[in-house]
Every structure is written in C-alpha cells, then in structure tokens.
Amino acid sequence: MQPTVVRVARLTDPAGPADGVRVLVERLWPRGTARTAVVLDGWYRTLAPSDELRTWYGHDPDRFAEFARRYRAELREPDRRAALDRLRELAGNGPLTLLTASGSPPISQAAVLAEILTAETS
C-alpha cells in the first residue's frame, strides 16, 4: 500500500501540481478572501472544531496538544465521522491538501486531520 500524502496549507497559498485535491476545513469562509481568488475542490465545514473549542484554543501554541485531544474527541460525532470518512476516500485516491485560514497551519485543525489521515496508512 502506498502511503497517503496529506499536506496542510493556508487557503491563500498558491495551488501547486503536488497539491492533488484541495479542501477547506473551516466552518466559515475567511474574511477578506475572495472565493474566486482560490483554487478549491471542496469545503468540509462539518470538520471544523466547535465554536467553543475554537474560542478556547485561540491558536495558542501552548494549548495545541490539549486542543488536538479535544478536537479528536469531537471528530467521533457521527456527522464529523462521515465527513472524515469522505476525506479518507479522497486521500486514498491521491494527494490531498487540507486548507486552513489559520496563520499557523502546523497548529491548526488541518494539521490534526492530516496527522489522523497519514497515521492510518503508515
């Protein structure tokens, strides 16, 4: 089995040939970003963390480990599990790029999702 290639990038990063399928994993469309200015193949709103978790986290690097633990728990909810299964299918068919509006993609929900998806195939 070939390893799954899952990348994390900012929504505004230019698309590249290695990106494969590009999907946004935010609940809301990022302010100040024109929808016509980005290359996007899908938008998985249900995979965004809850408002409560997102507010608590505030992208504080010191809270990332706890955020990731709580977020993984949220991903067990049926609607989120179904969306995660769809991402698994996409990742199984070739490269997948998870897009976030975060200024720090390595400590975003996209990074947690990428870790989940790549850990399943390694």
PDB file of N, CA and C in Angstrom:
ATOM      1  N   MET A   1       0.841  -1.179   0.000  1.00  0.00           N
ATOM      2  CA  MET A   1       0.000   0.000   0.000  1.00  0.00           C
ATOM      3  C   MET A   1       0.886   1.241   0.000  1.00  0.00           C
ATOM      4  N   GLN A   2       0.581   2.169  -0.881  1.00  0.00           N
ATOM      5  CA  GLN A   2       1.335   3.405  -0.970  1.00  0.00           C
ATOM      6  C   GLN A   2       0.902   4.343   0.156  1.00  0.00           C
ATOM      7  N   PRO A   3       1.857   5.044   0.809  1.00  0.00           N
ATOM      8  CA  PRO A   3       1.488   5.936   1.899  1.00  0.00           C
ATOM      9  C   PRO A   3       0.615   7.089   1.401  1.00  0.00           C
ATOM     10  N   THR A   4      -0.279   7.507   2.248  1.00  0.00           N
ATOM     11  CA  THR A   4      -1.158   8.618   1.934  1.00  0.00           C
ATOM     12  C   THR A   4      -0.368   9.921   2.019  1.00  0.00           C
ATOM     13  N   VAL A   5      -0.525  10.776   1.027  1.00  0.00           N
ATOM     14  CA  VAL A   5       0.128  12.075   1.027  1.00  0.00           C
ATOM     15  C   VAL A   5      -0.918  13.123   1.370  1.00  0.00           C
ATOM     16  N   VAL A   6      -0.774  13.712   2.556  1.00  0.00           N
ATOM     17  CA  VAL A   6      -1.690  14.758   3.003  1.00  0.00           C
ATOM     18  C   VAL A   6      -0.851  15.961   3.395  1.00  0.00           C
ATOM     19  N   ARG A   7      -1.129  17.075   2.756  1.00  0.00           N
ATOM     20  CA  ARG A   7      -0.433  18.319   3.035  1.00  0.00           C
ATOM     21  C   ARG A   7      -1.374  19.268   3.755  1.00  0.00           C
ATOM     22  N   VAL A   8      -0.790  20.236   4.449  1.00  0.00           N
ATOM     23  CA  VAL A   8      -1.544  21.300   5.098  1.00  0.00           C
ATOM     24  C   VAL A   8      -1.033  22.616   4.536  1.00  0.00           C
ATOM     25  N   ALA A   9      -1.957  23.508   4.178  1.00  0.00           N
ATOM     26  CA  ALA A   9      -1.565  24.798   3.614  1.00  0.00           C
ATOM     27  C   ALA A   9      -2.604  25.851   3.983  1.00  0.00           C
ATOM     28  N   ARG A  10      -2.208  27.080   3.830  1.00  0.00           N
ATOM     29  CA  ARG A  10      -3.159  28.182   4.019  1.00  0.00           C
ATOM     30  C   ARG A  10      -4.038  28.273   2.776  1.00  0.00           C
ATOM     31  N   LEU A  11      -5.254  28.681   2.973  1.00  0.00           N
ATOM     32  CA  LEU A  11      -6.194  28.805   1.861  1.00  0.00           C
ATOM     33  C   LEU A  11      -5.649  29.719   0.776  1.00  0.00           C
ATOM     34  N   THR A  12      -4.933  30.743   1.163  1.00  0.00           N
ATOM     35  CA  THR A  12      -4.425  31.713   0.198  1.00  0.00           C
ATOM     36  C   THR A  12      -3.109  31.310  -0.453  1.00  0.00           C
ATOM     37  N   ASP A  13      -2.518  30.170  -0.041  1.00  0.00           N
ATOM     38  CA  ASP A  13      -1.290  29.702  -0.694  1.00  0.00           C
ATOM     39  C   ASP A  13      -1.611  29.311  -2.134  1.00  0.00           C
ATOM     40  N   PRO A  14      -0.722  29.635  -3.060  1.00  0.00           N
ATOM     41  CA  PRO A  14      -0.991  29.253  -4.457  1.00  0.00           C
ATOM     42  C   PRO A  14      -1.051  27.728  -4.610  1.00  0.00           C
ATOM     43  N   ALA A  15      -1.911  27.292  -5.483  1.00  0.00           N
ATOM     44  CA  ALA A  15      -2.033  25.861  -5.770  1.00  0.00           C
ATOM     45  C   ALA A  15      -0.810  25.403  -6.559  1.00  0.00           C
ATOM     46  N   GLY A  16      -0.382  24.175  -6.280  1.00  0.00           N
ATOM     47  CA  GLY A  16       0.757  23.617  -6.992  1.00  0.00           C
ATOM     48  C   GLY A  16       0.419  22.252  -7.555  1.00  0.00           C
ATOM     49  N   PRO A  17       1.243  21.738  -8.448  1.00  0.00           N
ATOM     50  CA  PRO A  17       0.954  20.448  -9.076  1.00  0.00           C
ATOM     51  C   PRO A  17       0.955  19.278  -8.096  1.00  0.00           C
ATOM     52  N   ALA A  18       1.633  19.406  -6.954  1.00  0.00           N
ATOM     53  CA  ALA A  18       1.692  18.310  -5.983  1.00  0.00           C
ATOM     54  C   ALA A  18       0.520  18.334  -5.002  1.00  0.00           C
ATOM     55  N   ASP A  19      -0.332  19.351  -5.090  1.00  0.00           N
ATOM     56  CA  ASP A  19      -1.432  19.501  -4.126  1.00  0.00           C
ATOM     57  C   ASP A  19      -2.489  18.412  -4.221  1.00  0.00           C
ATOM     58  N   GLY A  20      -2.741  17.918  -5.390  1.00  0.00           N
ATOM     59  CA  GLY A  20      -3.841  16.975  -5.554  1.00  0.00           C
ATOM     60  C   GLY A  20      -5.162  17.686  -5.289  1.00  0.00           C
ATOM     61  N   VAL A  21      -6.033  17.034  -4.551  1.00  0.00           N
ATOM     62  CA  VAL A  21      -7.336  17.614  -4.215  1.00  0.00           C
ATOM     63  C   VAL A  21      -7.140  18.604  -3.070  1.00  0.00           C
ATOM     64  N   ARG A  22      -7.705  19.793  -3.212  1.00  0.00           N
ATOM     65  CA  ARG A  22      -7.581  20.848  -2.190  1.00  0.00           C
ATOM     66  C   ARG A  22      -8.940  21.070  -1.537  1.00  0.00           C
ATOM     67  N   VAL A  23      -8.988  20.878  -0.207  1.00  0.00           N
ATOM     68  CA  VAL A  23     -10.253  21.065   0.509  1.00  0.00           C
ATOM     69  C   VAL A  23     -10.058  21.979   1.710  1.00  0.00           C
ATOM     70  N   LEU A  24     -11.031  22.836   1.913  1.00  0.00           N
ATOM     71  CA  LEU A  24     -11.040  23.754   3.047  1.00  0.00           C
ATOM     72  C   LEU A  24     -11.703  23.069   4.233  1.00  0.00           C
ATOM     73  N   VAL A  25     -11.099  23.193   5.421  1.00  0.00           N
ATOM     74  CA  VAL A  25     -11.646  22.561   6.625  1.00  0.00           C
ATOM     75  C   VAL A  25     -11.943  23.621   7.694  1.00  0.00           C
ATOM     76  N   GLU A  26     -12.644  24.649   7.293  1.00  0.00           N
ATOM     77  CA  GLU A  26     -13.072  25.742   8.172  1.00  0.00           C
ATOM     78  C   GLU A  26     -14.594  25.801   8.162  1.00  0.00           C
ATOM     79  N   ARG A  27     -15.170  26.229   9.276  1.00  0.00           N
ATOM     80  CA  ARG A  27     -16.627  26.361   9.352  1.00  0.00           C
ATOM     81  C   ARG A  27     -17.130  27.543   8.526  1.00  0.00           C
ATOM     82  N   LEU A  28     -16.419  28.672   8.620  1.00  0.00           N
ATOM     83  CA  LEU A  28     -16.828  29.895   7.929  1.00  0.00           C
ATOM     84  C   LEU A  28     -15.806  30.259   6.866  1.00  0.00           C
ATOM     85  N   TRP A  29     -16.299  30.928   5.826  1.00  0.00           N
ATOM     86  CA  TRP A  29     -15.381  31.401   4.801  1.00  0.00           C
ATOM     87  C   TRP A  29     -14.553  32.528   5.411  1.00  0.00           C
ATOM     88  N   PRO A  30     -13.229  32.495   5.235  1.00  0.00           N
ATOM     89  CA  PRO A  30     -12.357  33.509   5.836  1.00  0.00           C
ATOM     90  C   PRO A  30     -12.642  34.915   5.309  1.00  0.00           C
ATOM     91  N   ARG A  31     -12.752  35.854   6.237  1.00  0.00           N
ATOM     92  CA  ARG A  31     -12.981  37.256   5.868  1.00  0.00           C
ATOM     93  C   ARG A  31     -11.839  37.762   5.005  1.00  0.00           C
ATOM     94  N   GLY A  32     -12.192  38.593   4.033  1.00  0.00           N
ATOM     95  CA  GLY A  32     -11.185  39.223   3.197  1.00  0.00           C
ATOM     96  C   GLY A  32     -10.621  38.347   2.095  1.00  0.00           C
ATOM     97  N   THR A  33     -11.137  37.119   1.960  1.00  0.00           N
ATOM     98  CA  THR A  33     -10.657  36.217   0.921  1.00  0.00           C
ATOM     99  C   THR A  33     -11.764  36.011  -0.111  1.00  0.00           C
ATOM    100  N   ALA A  34     -11.501  36.471  -1.312  1.00  0.00           N
ATOM    101  CA  ALA A  34     -12.485  36.307  -2.383  1.00  0.00           C
ATOM    102  C   ALA A  34     -12.544  34.840  -2.789  1.00  0.00           C
ATOM    103  N   ARG A  35     -13.742  34.319  -2.923  1.00  0.00           N
ATOM    104  CA  ARG A  35     -13.901  32.910  -3.309  1.00  0.00           C
ATOM    105  C   ARG A  35     -13.329  32.622  -4.682  1.00  0.00           C
ATOM    106  N   THR A  36     -13.302  33.616  -5.513  1.00  0.00           N
ATOM    107  CA  THR A  36     -12.769  33.426  -6.861  1.00  0.00           C
ATOM    108  C   THR A  36     -11.245  33.498  -6.890  1.00  0.00           C
ATOM    109  N   ALA A  37     -10.629  33.849  -5.758  1.00  0.00           N
ATOM    110  CA  ALA A  37      -9.173  34.019  -5.719  1.00  0.00           C
ATOM    111  C   ALA A  37      -8.430  32.759  -5.279  1.00  0.00           C
ATOM    112  N   VAL A  38      -9.175  31.684  -4.995  1.00  0.00           N
ATOM    113  CA  VAL A  38      -8.521  30.470  -4.503  1.00  0.00           C
ATOM    114  C   VAL A  38      -8.907  29.266  -5.345  1.00  0.00           C
ATOM    115  N   VAL A  39      -8.019  28.284  -5.369  1.00  0.00           N
ATOM    116  CA  VAL A  39      -8.289  27.016  -6.032  1.00  0.00           C
ATOM    117  C   VAL A  39      -8.756  26.054  -4.952  1.00  0.00           C
ATOM    118  N   LEU A  40      -9.974  25.552  -5.120  1.00  0.00           N
ATOM    119  CA  LEU A  40     -10.605  24.755  -4.075  1.00  0.00           C
ATOM    120  C   LEU A  40     -11.465  23.676  -4.723  1.00  0.00           C
ATOM    121  N   ASP A  41     -11.317  22.428  -4.251  1.00  0.00           N
ATOM    122  CA  ASP A  41     -12.108  21.321  -4.783  1.00  0.00           C
ATOM    123  C   ASP A  41     -13.257  20.932  -3.868  1.00  0.00           C
ATOM    124  N   GLY A  42     -13.215  21.380  -2.628  1.00  0.00           N
ATOM    125  CA  GLY A  42     -14.277  21.038  -1.686  1.00  0.00           C
ATOM    126  C   GLY A  42     -14.154  21.859  -0.423  1.00  0.00           C
ATOM    127  N   TRP A  43     -15.265  21.871   0.340  1.00  0.00           N
ATOM    128  CA  TRP A  43     -15.300  22.622   1.586  1.00  0.00           C
ATOM    129  C   TRP A  43     -16.006  21.746   2.607  1.00  0.00           C
ATOM    130  N   TYR A  44     -15.272  21.304   3.624  1.00  0.00           N
ATOM    131  CA  TYR A  44     -15.783  20.396   4.651  1.00  0.00           C
ATOM    132  C   TYR A  44     -16.025  21.157   5.947  1.00  0.00           C
ATOM    133  N   ARG A  45     -17.121  21.896   5.990  1.00  0.00           N
ATOM    134  CA  ARG A  45     -17.469  22.716   7.153  1.00  0.00           C
ATOM    135  C   ARG A  45     -17.651  21.882   8.413  1.00  0.00           C
ATOM    136  N   THR A  46     -18.216  20.697   8.258  1.00  0.00           N
ATOM    137  CA  THR A  46     -18.513  19.885   9.441  1.00  0.00           C
ATOM    138  C   THR A  46     -17.255  19.392  10.142  1.00  0.00           C
ATOM    139  N   LEU A  47     -16.099  19.490   9.491  1.00  0.00           N
ATOM    140  CA  LEU A  47     -14.859  19.055  10.133  1.00  0.00           C
ATOM    141  C   LEU A  47     -14.200  20.158  10.964  1.00  0.00           C
ATOM    142  N   ALA A  48     -14.754  21.338  10.942  1.00  0.00           N
ATOM    143  CA  ALA A  48     -14.197  22.420  11.757  1.00  0.00           C
ATOM    144  C   ALA A  48     -14.471  22.144  13.233  1.00  0.00           C
ATOM    145  N   PRO A  49     -13.576  22.583  14.102  1.00  0.00           N
ATOM    146  CA  PRO A  49     -13.835  22.410  15.532  1.00  0.00           C
ATOM    147  C   PRO A  49     -15.051  23.232  15.956  1.00  0.00           C
ATOM    148  N   SER A  50     -15.661  22.840  17.054  1.00  0.00           N
ATOM    149  CA  SER A  50     -16.808  23.585  17.569  1.00  0.00           C
ATOM    150  C   SER A  50     -16.386  25.014  17.898  1.00  0.00           C
ATOM    151  N   ASP A  51     -17.356  25.911  17.907  1.00  0.00           N
ATOM    152  CA  ASP A  51     -17.056  27.300  18.262  1.00  0.00           C
ATOM    153  C   ASP A  51     -16.453  27.385  19.654  1.00  0.00           C
ATOM    154  N   GLU A  52     -16.972  26.573  20.573  1.00  0.00           N
ATOM    155  CA  GLU A  52     -16.463  26.595  21.943  1.00  0.00           C
ATOM    156  C   GLU A  52     -14.988  26.191  21.984  1.00  0.00           C
ATOM    157  N   LEU A  53     -14.640  25.122  21.271  1.00  0.00           N
ATOM    158  CA  LEU A  53     -13.264  24.657  21.270  1.00  0.00           C
ATOM    159  C   LEU A  53     -12.356  25.667  20.568  1.00  0.00           C
ATOM    160  N   ARG A  54     -12.806  26.176  19.463  1.00  0.00           N
ATOM    161  CA  ARG A  54     -12.014  27.149  18.703  1.00  0.00           C
ATOM    162  C   ARG A  54     -11.741  28.398  19.548  1.00  0.00           C
ATOM    163  N   THR A  55     -12.768  28.878  20.251  1.00  0.00           N
ATOM    164  CA  THR A  55     -12.617  30.062  21.092  1.00  0.00           C
ATOM    165  C   THR A  55     -11.660  29.781  22.254  1.00  0.00           C
ATOM    166  N   TRP A  56     -11.819  28.628  22.886  1.00  0.00           N
ATOM    167  CA  TRP A  56     -10.930  28.270  23.990  1.00  0.00           C
ATOM    168  C   TRP A  56      -9.476  28.201  23.519  1.00  0.00           C
ATOM    169  N   TYR A  57      -9.260  27.587  22.382  1.00  0.00           N
ATOM    170  CA  TYR A  57      -7.911  27.370  21.864  1.00  0.00           C
ATOM    171  C   TYR A  57      -7.238  28.689  21.489  1.00  0.00           C
ATOM    172  N   GLY A  58      -7.894  29.499  20.689  1.00  0.00           N
ATOM    173  CA  GLY A  58      -7.337  30.775  20.281  1.00  0.00           C
ATOM    174  C   GLY A  58      -5.983  30.684  19.594  1.00  0.00           C
ATOM    175  N   HIS A  59      -5.649  29.542  19.029  1.00  0.00           N
ATOM    176  CA  HIS A  59      -4.375  29.280  18.338  1.00  0.00           C
ATOM    177  C   HIS A  59      -3.178  29.572  19.232  1.00  0.00           C
ATOM    178  N   ASP A  60      -3.358  29.306  20.521  1.00  0.00           N
ATOM    179  CA  ASP A  60      -2.259  29.439  21.490  1.00  0.00           C
ATOM    180  C   ASP A  60      -1.405  28.175  21.392  1.00  0.00           C
ATOM    181  N   PRO A  61      -0.147  28.303  20.962  1.00  0.00           N
ATOM    182  CA  PRO A  61       0.706  27.114  20.797  1.00  0.00           C
ATOM    183  C   PRO A  61       0.806  26.251  22.055  1.00  0.00           C
ATOM    184  N   ASP A  62       0.728  26.870  23.217  1.00  0.00           N
ATOM    185  CA  ASP A  62       0.811  26.110  24.464  1.00  0.00           C
ATOM    186  C   ASP A  62      -0.419  25.235  24.697  1.00  0.00           C
ATOM    187  N   ARG A  63      -1.509  25.522  23.996  1.00  0.00           N
ATOM    188  CA  ARG A  63      -2.742  24.755  24.152  1.00  0.00           C
ATOM    189  C   ARG A  63      -2.958  23.736  23.032  1.00  0.00           C
ATOM    190  N   PHE A  64      -2.023  23.668  22.088  1.00  0.00           N
ATOM    191  CA  PHE A  64      -2.250  22.831  20.920  1.00  0.00           C
ATOM    192  C   PHE A  64      -2.466  21.363  21.269  1.00  0.00           C
ATOM    193  N   ALA A  65      -1.663  20.802  22.149  1.00  0.00           N
ATOM    194  CA  ALA A  65      -1.803  19.371  22.487  1.00  0.00           C
ATOM    195  C   ALA A  65      -3.190  19.088  23.056  1.00  0.00           C
ATOM    196  N   GLU A  66      -3.666  19.937  23.939  1.00  0.00           N
ATOM    197  CA  GLU A  66      -5.000  19.746  24.518  1.00  0.00           C
ATOM    198  C   GLU A  66      -6.079  20.005  23.465  1.00  0.00           C
ATOM    199  N   PHE A  67      -5.866  21.004  22.622  1.00  0.00           N
ATOM    200  CA  PHE A  67      -6.795  21.265  21.522  1.00  0.00           C
ATOM    201  C   PHE A  67      -6.922  20.023  20.644  1.00  0.00           C
ATOM    202  N   ALA A  68      -5.778  19.434  20.275  1.00  0.00           N
ATOM    203  CA  ALA A  68      -5.787  18.258  19.404  1.00  0.00           C
ATOM    204  C   ALA A  68      -6.542  17.110  20.067  1.00  0.00           C
ATOM    205  N   ARG A  69      -6.342  16.912  21.362  1.00  0.00           N
ATOM    206  CA  ARG A  69      -7.051  15.846  22.077  1.00  0.00           C
ATOM    207  C   ARG A  69      -8.562  16.089  22.055  1.00  0.00           C
ATOM    208  N   ARG A  70      -8.976  17.300  22.366  1.00  0.00           N
ATOM    209  CA  ARG A  70     -10.413  17.635  22.391  1.00  0.00           C
ATOM    210  C   ARG A  70     -11.022  17.571  20.983  1.00  0.00           C
ATOM    211  N   TYR A  71     -10.266  18.033  20.014  1.00  0.00           N
ATOM    212  CA  TYR A  71     -10.753  18.021  18.636  1.00  0.00           C
ATOM    213  C   TYR A  71     -10.942  16.590  18.138  1.00  0.00           C
ATOM    214  N   ARG A  72      -9.995  15.714  18.444  1.00  0.00           N
ATOM    215  CA  ARG A  72     -10.150  14.302  18.074  1.00  0.00           C
ATOM    216  C   ARG A  72     -11.422  13.712  18.681  1.00  0.00           C
ATOM    217  N   ALA A  73     -11.748  14.124  19.906  1.00  0.00           N
ATOM    218  CA  ALA A  73     -12.983  13.655  20.539  1.00  0.00           C
ATOM    219  C   ALA A  73     -14.198  14.158  19.771  1.00  0.00           C
ATOM    220  N   GLU A  74     -14.162  15.413  19.325  1.00  0.00           N
ATOM    221  CA  GLU A  74     -15.277  15.950  18.539  1.00  0.00           C
ATOM    222  C   GLU A  74     -15.433  15.203  17.214  1.00  0.00           C
ATOM    223  N   LEU A  75     -14.337  14.754  16.656  1.00  0.00           N
ATOM    224  CA  LEU A  75     -14.391  14.050  15.366  1.00  0.00           C
ATOM    225  C   LEU A  75     -15.072  12.689  15.466  1.00  0.00           C
ATOM    226  N   ARG A  76     -15.366  12.230  16.659  1.00  0.00           N
ATOM    227  CA  ARG A  76     -16.090  10.967  16.834  1.00  0.00           C
ATOM    228  C   ARG A  76     -17.599  11.134  16.661  1.00  0.00           C
ATOM    229  N   GLU A  77     -18.077  12.380  16.610  1.00  0.00           N
ATOM    230  CA  GLU A  77     -19.507  12.631  16.405  1.00  0.00           C
ATOM    231  C   GLU A  77     -19.896  12.130  15.013  1.00  0.00           C
ATOM    232  N   PRO A  78     -21.105  11.573  14.871  1.00  0.00           N
ATOM    233  CA  PRO A  78     -21.489  10.922  13.608  1.00  0.00           C
ATOM    234  C   PRO A  78     -21.334  11.777  12.350  1.00  0.00           C
ATOM    235  N   ASP A  79     -21.771  13.039  12.376  1.00  0.00           N
ATOM    236  CA  ASP A  79     -21.677  13.852  11.158  1.00  0.00           C
ATOM    237  C   ASP A  79     -20.222  14.159  10.814  1.00  0.00           C
ATOM    238  N   ARG A  80     -19.416  14.358  11.818  1.00  0.00           N
ATOM    239  CA  ARG A  80     -17.994  14.617  11.573  1.00  0.00           C
ATOM    240  C   ARG A  80     -17.273  13.351  11.148  1.00  0.00           C
ATOM    241  N   ARG A  81     -17.641  12.234  11.724  1.00  0.00           N
ATOM    242  CA  ARG A  81     -17.032  10.958  11.337  1.00  0.00           C
ATOM    243  C   ARG A  81     -17.305  10.683   9.864  1.00  0.00           C
ATOM    244  N   ALA A  82     -18.524  10.963   9.408  1.00  0.00           N
ATOM    245  CA  ALA A  82     -18.874  10.734   7.999  1.00  0.00           C
ATOM    246  C   ALA A  82     -18.039  11.634   7.085  1.00  0.00           C
ATOM    247  N   ALA A  83     -17.855  12.889   7.470  1.00  0.00           N
ATOM    248  CA  ALA A  83     -17.031  13.797   6.665  1.00  0.00           C
ATOM    249  C   ALA A  83     -15.572  13.349   6.662  1.00  0.00           C
ATOM    250  N   LEU A  84     -15.086  12.863   7.798  1.00  0.00           N
ATOM    251  CA  LEU A  84     -13.720  12.360   7.870  1.00  0.00           C
ATOM    252  C   LEU A  84     -13.551  11.124   6.983  1.00  0.00           C
ATOM    253  N   ASP A  85     -14.573  10.287   6.936  1.00  0.00           N
ATOM    254  CA  ASP A  85     -14.529   9.128   6.041  1.00  0.00           C
ATOM    255  C   ASP A  85     -14.425   9.565   4.578  1.00  0.00           C
ATOM    256  N   ARG A  86     -15.126  10.643   4.212  1.00  0.00           N
ATOM    257  CA  ARG A  86     -15.025  11.151   2.836  1.00  0.00           C
ATOM    258  C   ARG A  86     -13.610  11.657   2.550  1.00  0.00           C
ATOM    259  N   LEU A  87     -12.983  12.297   3.551  1.00  0.00           N
ATOM    260  CA  LEU A  87     -11.592  12.728   3.371  1.00  0.00           C
ATOM    261  C   LEU A  87     -10.670  11.534   3.203  1.00  0.00           C
ATOM    262  N   ARG A  88     -10.933  10.480   3.959  1.00  0.00           N
ATOM    263  CA  ARG A  88     -10.125   9.252   3.829  1.00  0.00           C
ATOM    264  C   ARG A  88     -10.184   8.721   2.399  1.00  0.00           C
ATOM    265  N   GLU A  89     -11.377   8.735   1.820  1.00  0.00           N
ATOM    266  CA  GLU A  89     -11.534   8.281   0.435  1.00  0.00           C
ATOM    267  C   GLU A  89     -10.724   9.143  -0.511  1.00  0.00           C
ATOM    268  N   LEU A  90     -10.817  10.464  -0.331  1.00  0.00           N
ATOM    269  CA  LEU A  90     -10.049  11.367  -1.191  1.00  0.00           C
ATOM    270  C   LEU A  90      -8.555  11.112  -1.046  1.00  0.00           C
ATOM    271  N   ALA A  91      -8.089  10.962   0.183  1.00  0.00           N
ATOM    272  CA  ALA A  91      -6.663  10.733   0.441  1.00  0.00           C
ATOM    273  C   ALA A  91      -6.208   9.395  -0.136  1.00  0.00           C
ATOM    274  N   GLY A  92      -7.102   8.436  -0.195  1.00  0.00           N
ATOM    275  CA  GLY A  92      -6.762   7.134  -0.752  1.00  0.00           C
ATOM    276  C   GLY A  92      -6.614   7.138  -2.253  1.00  0.00           C
ATOM    277  N   ASN A  93      -7.107   8.194  -2.894  1.00  0.00           N
ATOM    278  CA  ASN A  93      -7.055   8.290  -4.353  1.00  0.00           C
ATOM    279  C   ASN A  93      -5.912   9.150  -4.868  1.00  0.00           C
ATOM    280  N   GLY A  94      -5.121   9.705  -3.973  1.00  0.00           N
ATOM    281  CA  GLY A  94      -4.006  10.558  -4.404  1.00  0.00           C
ATOM    282  C   GLY A  94      -3.749  11.650  -3.393  1.00  0.00           C
ATOM    283  N   PRO A  95      -2.845  12.559  -3.723  1.00  0.00           N
ATOM    284  CA  PRO A  95      -2.504  13.621  -2.784  1.00  0.00           C
ATOM    285  C   PRO A  95      -3.731  14.444  -2.378  1.00  0.00           C
ATOM    286  N   LEU A  96      -3.702  14.896  -1.137  1.00  0.00           N
ATOM    287  CA  LEU A  96      -4.783  15.700  -0.574  1.00  0.00           C
ATOM    288  C   LEU A  96      -4.155  16.863   0.167  1.00  0.00           C
ATOM    289  N   THR A  97      -4.644  18.065  -0.085  1.00  0.00           N
ATOM    290  CA  THR A  97      -4.176  19.244   0.633  1.00  0.00           C
ATOM    291  C   THR A  97      -5.329  19.801   1.446  1.00  0.00           C
ATOM    292  N   LEU A  98      -5.123  19.864   2.766  1.00  0.00           N
ATOM    293  CA  LEU A  98      -6.119  20.413   3.684  1.00  0.00           C
ATOM    294  C   LEU A  98      -5.815  21.892   3.876  1.00  0.00           C
ATOM    295  N   LEU A  99      -6.790  22.720   3.590  1.00  0.00           N
ATOM    296  CA  LEU A  99      -6.594  24.163   3.633  1.00  0.00           C
ATOM    297  C   LEU A  99      -7.214  24.763   4.885  1.00  0.00           C
ATOM    298  N   THR A 100      -6.513  25.727   5.456  1.00  0.00           N
ATOM    299  CA  THR A 100      -6.972  26.415   6.642  1.00  0.00           C
ATOM    300  C   THR A 100      -6.774  27.915   6.472  1.00  0.00           C
ATOM    301  N   ALA A 101      -7.526  28.693   7.220  1.00  0.00           N
ATOM    302  CA  ALA A 101      -7.352  30.143   7.232  1.00  0.00           C
ATOM    303  C   ALA A 101      -6.371  30.552   8.323  1.00  0.00           C
ATOM    304  N   SER A 102      -5.951  29.610   9.126  1.00  0.00           N
ATOM    305  CA  SER A 102      -5.052  29.882  10.245  1.00  0.00           C
ATOM    306  C   SER A 102      -3.739  30.492   9.765  1.00  0.00           C
ATOM    307  N   GLY A 103      -3.227  31.420  10.536  1.00  0.00           N
ATOM    308  CA  GLY A 103      -1.917  31.981  10.256  1.00  0.00           C
ATOM    309  C   GLY A 103      -0.800  31.018  10.609  1.00  0.00           C
ATOM    310  N   SER A 104      -1.140  29.959  11.346  1.00  0.00           N
ATOM    311  CA  SER A 104      -0.166  28.936  11.763  1.00  0.00           C
ATOM    312  C   SER A 104      -0.689  27.551  11.415  1.00  0.00           C
ATOM    313  N   PRO A 105      -0.628  27.162  10.152  1.00  0.00           N
ATOM    314  CA  PRO A 105      -1.156  25.854   9.757  1.00  0.00           C
ATOM    315  C   PRO A 105      -0.631  24.670  10.569  1.00  0.00           C
ATOM    316  N   PRO A 106       0.635  24.662  11.021  1.00  0.00           N
ATOM    317  CA  PRO A 106       1.109  23.490  11.773  1.00  0.00           C
ATOM    318  C   PRO A 106       0.403  23.282  13.119  1.00  0.00           C
ATOM    319  N   ILE A 107      -0.310  24.304  13.614  1.00  0.00           N
ATOM    320  CA  ILE A 107      -1.046  24.137  14.873  1.00  0.00           C
ATOM    321  C   ILE A 107      -2.536  24.408  14.656  1.00  0.00           C
ATOM    322  N   SER A 108      -3.029  23.973  13.522  1.00  0.00           N
ATOM    323  CA  SER A 108      -4.442  24.164  13.175  1.00  0.00           C
ATOM    324  C   SER A 108      -5.174  22.823  13.159  1.00  0.00           C
ATOM    325  N   GLN A 109      -6.498  22.882  13.007  1.00  0.00           N
ATOM    326  CA  GLN A 109      -7.266  21.647  12.886  1.00  0.00           C
ATOM    327  C   GLN A 109      -6.858  20.869  11.642  1.00  0.00           C
ATOM    328  N   ALA A 110      -6.394  21.562  10.601  1.00  0.00           N
ATOM    329  CA  ALA A 110      -5.933  20.874   9.395  1.00  0.00           C
ATOM    330  C   ALA A 110      -4.738  19.979   9.710  1.00  0.00           C
ATOM    331  N   ALA A 111      -3.858  20.437  10.588  1.00  0.00           N
ATOM    332  CA  ALA A 111      -2.697  19.630  10.975  1.00  0.00           C
ATOM    333  C   ALA A 111      -3.124  18.383  11.735  1.00  0.00           C
ATOM    334  N   VAL A 112      -4.131  18.522  12.594  1.00  0.00           N
ATOM    335  CA  VAL A 112      -4.637  17.362  13.337  1.00  0.00           C
ATOM    336  C   VAL A 112      -5.253  16.359  12.358  1.00  0.00           C
ATOM    337  N   LEU A 113      -6.050  16.855  11.423  1.00  0.00           N
ATOM    338  CA  LEU A 113      -6.662  15.973  10.426  1.00  0.00           C
ATOM    339  C   LEU A 113      -5.598  15.269   9.583  1.00  0.00           C
ATOM    340  N   ALA A 114      -4.579  15.998   9.167  1.00  0.00           N
ATOM    341  CA  ALA A 114      -3.508  15.397   8.367  1.00  0.00           C
ATOM    342  C   ALA A 114      -2.810  14.292   9.147  1.00  0.00           C
ATOM    343  N   GLU A 115      -2.583  14.528  10.418  1.00  0.00           N
ATOM    344  CA  GLU A 115      -1.939  13.511  11.255  1.00  0.00           C
ATOM    345  C   GLU A 115      -2.808  12.257  11.352  1.00  0.00           C
ATOM    346  N   ILE A 116      -4.097  12.460  11.520  1.00  0.00           N
ATOM    347  CA  ILE A 116      -5.023  11.309  11.599  1.00  0.00           C
ATOM    348  C   ILE A 116      -4.977  10.518  10.292  1.00  0.00           C
ATOM    349  N   LEU A 117      -5.076  11.197   9.173  1.00  0.00           N
ATOM    350  CA  LEU A 117      -5.123  10.531   7.881  1.00  0.00           C
ATOM    351  C   LEU A 117      -3.821   9.841   7.520  1.00  0.00           C
ATOM    352  N   THR A 118      -2.694  10.433   7.834  1.00  0.00           N
ATOM    353  CA  THR A 118      -1.420   9.802   7.494  1.00  0.00           C
ATOM    354  C   THR A 118      -1.054   8.691   8.462  1.00  0.00           C
ATOM    355  N   ALA A 119      -1.465   8.791   9.709  1.00  0.00           N
ATOM    356  CA  ALA A 119      -1.165   7.750  10.686  1.00  0.00           C
ATOM    357  C   ALA A 119      -1.872   6.440  10.353  1.00  0.00           C
ATOM    358  N   GLU A 120      -2.998   6.537   9.692  1.00  0.00           N
ATOM    359  CA  GLU A 120      -3.780   5.331   9.361  1.00  0.00           C
ATOM    360  C   GLU A 120      -3.123   4.489   8.276  1.00  0.00           C
ATOM    361  N   THR A 121      -2.225   5.080   7.514  1.00  0.00           N
ATOM    362  CA  THR A 121      -1.621   4.330   6.403  1.00  0.00           C
ATOM    363  C   THR A 121      -0.142   4.078   6.591  1.00  0.00           C
ATOM    364  N   SER A 122       0.412   4.546   7.682  1.00  0.00           N
ATOM    365  CA  SER A 122       1.864   4.352   7.849  1.00  0.00           C
ATOM    366  C   SER A 122       2.153   3.136   8.698  1.00  0.00           C
TER     367      SER A 122
END
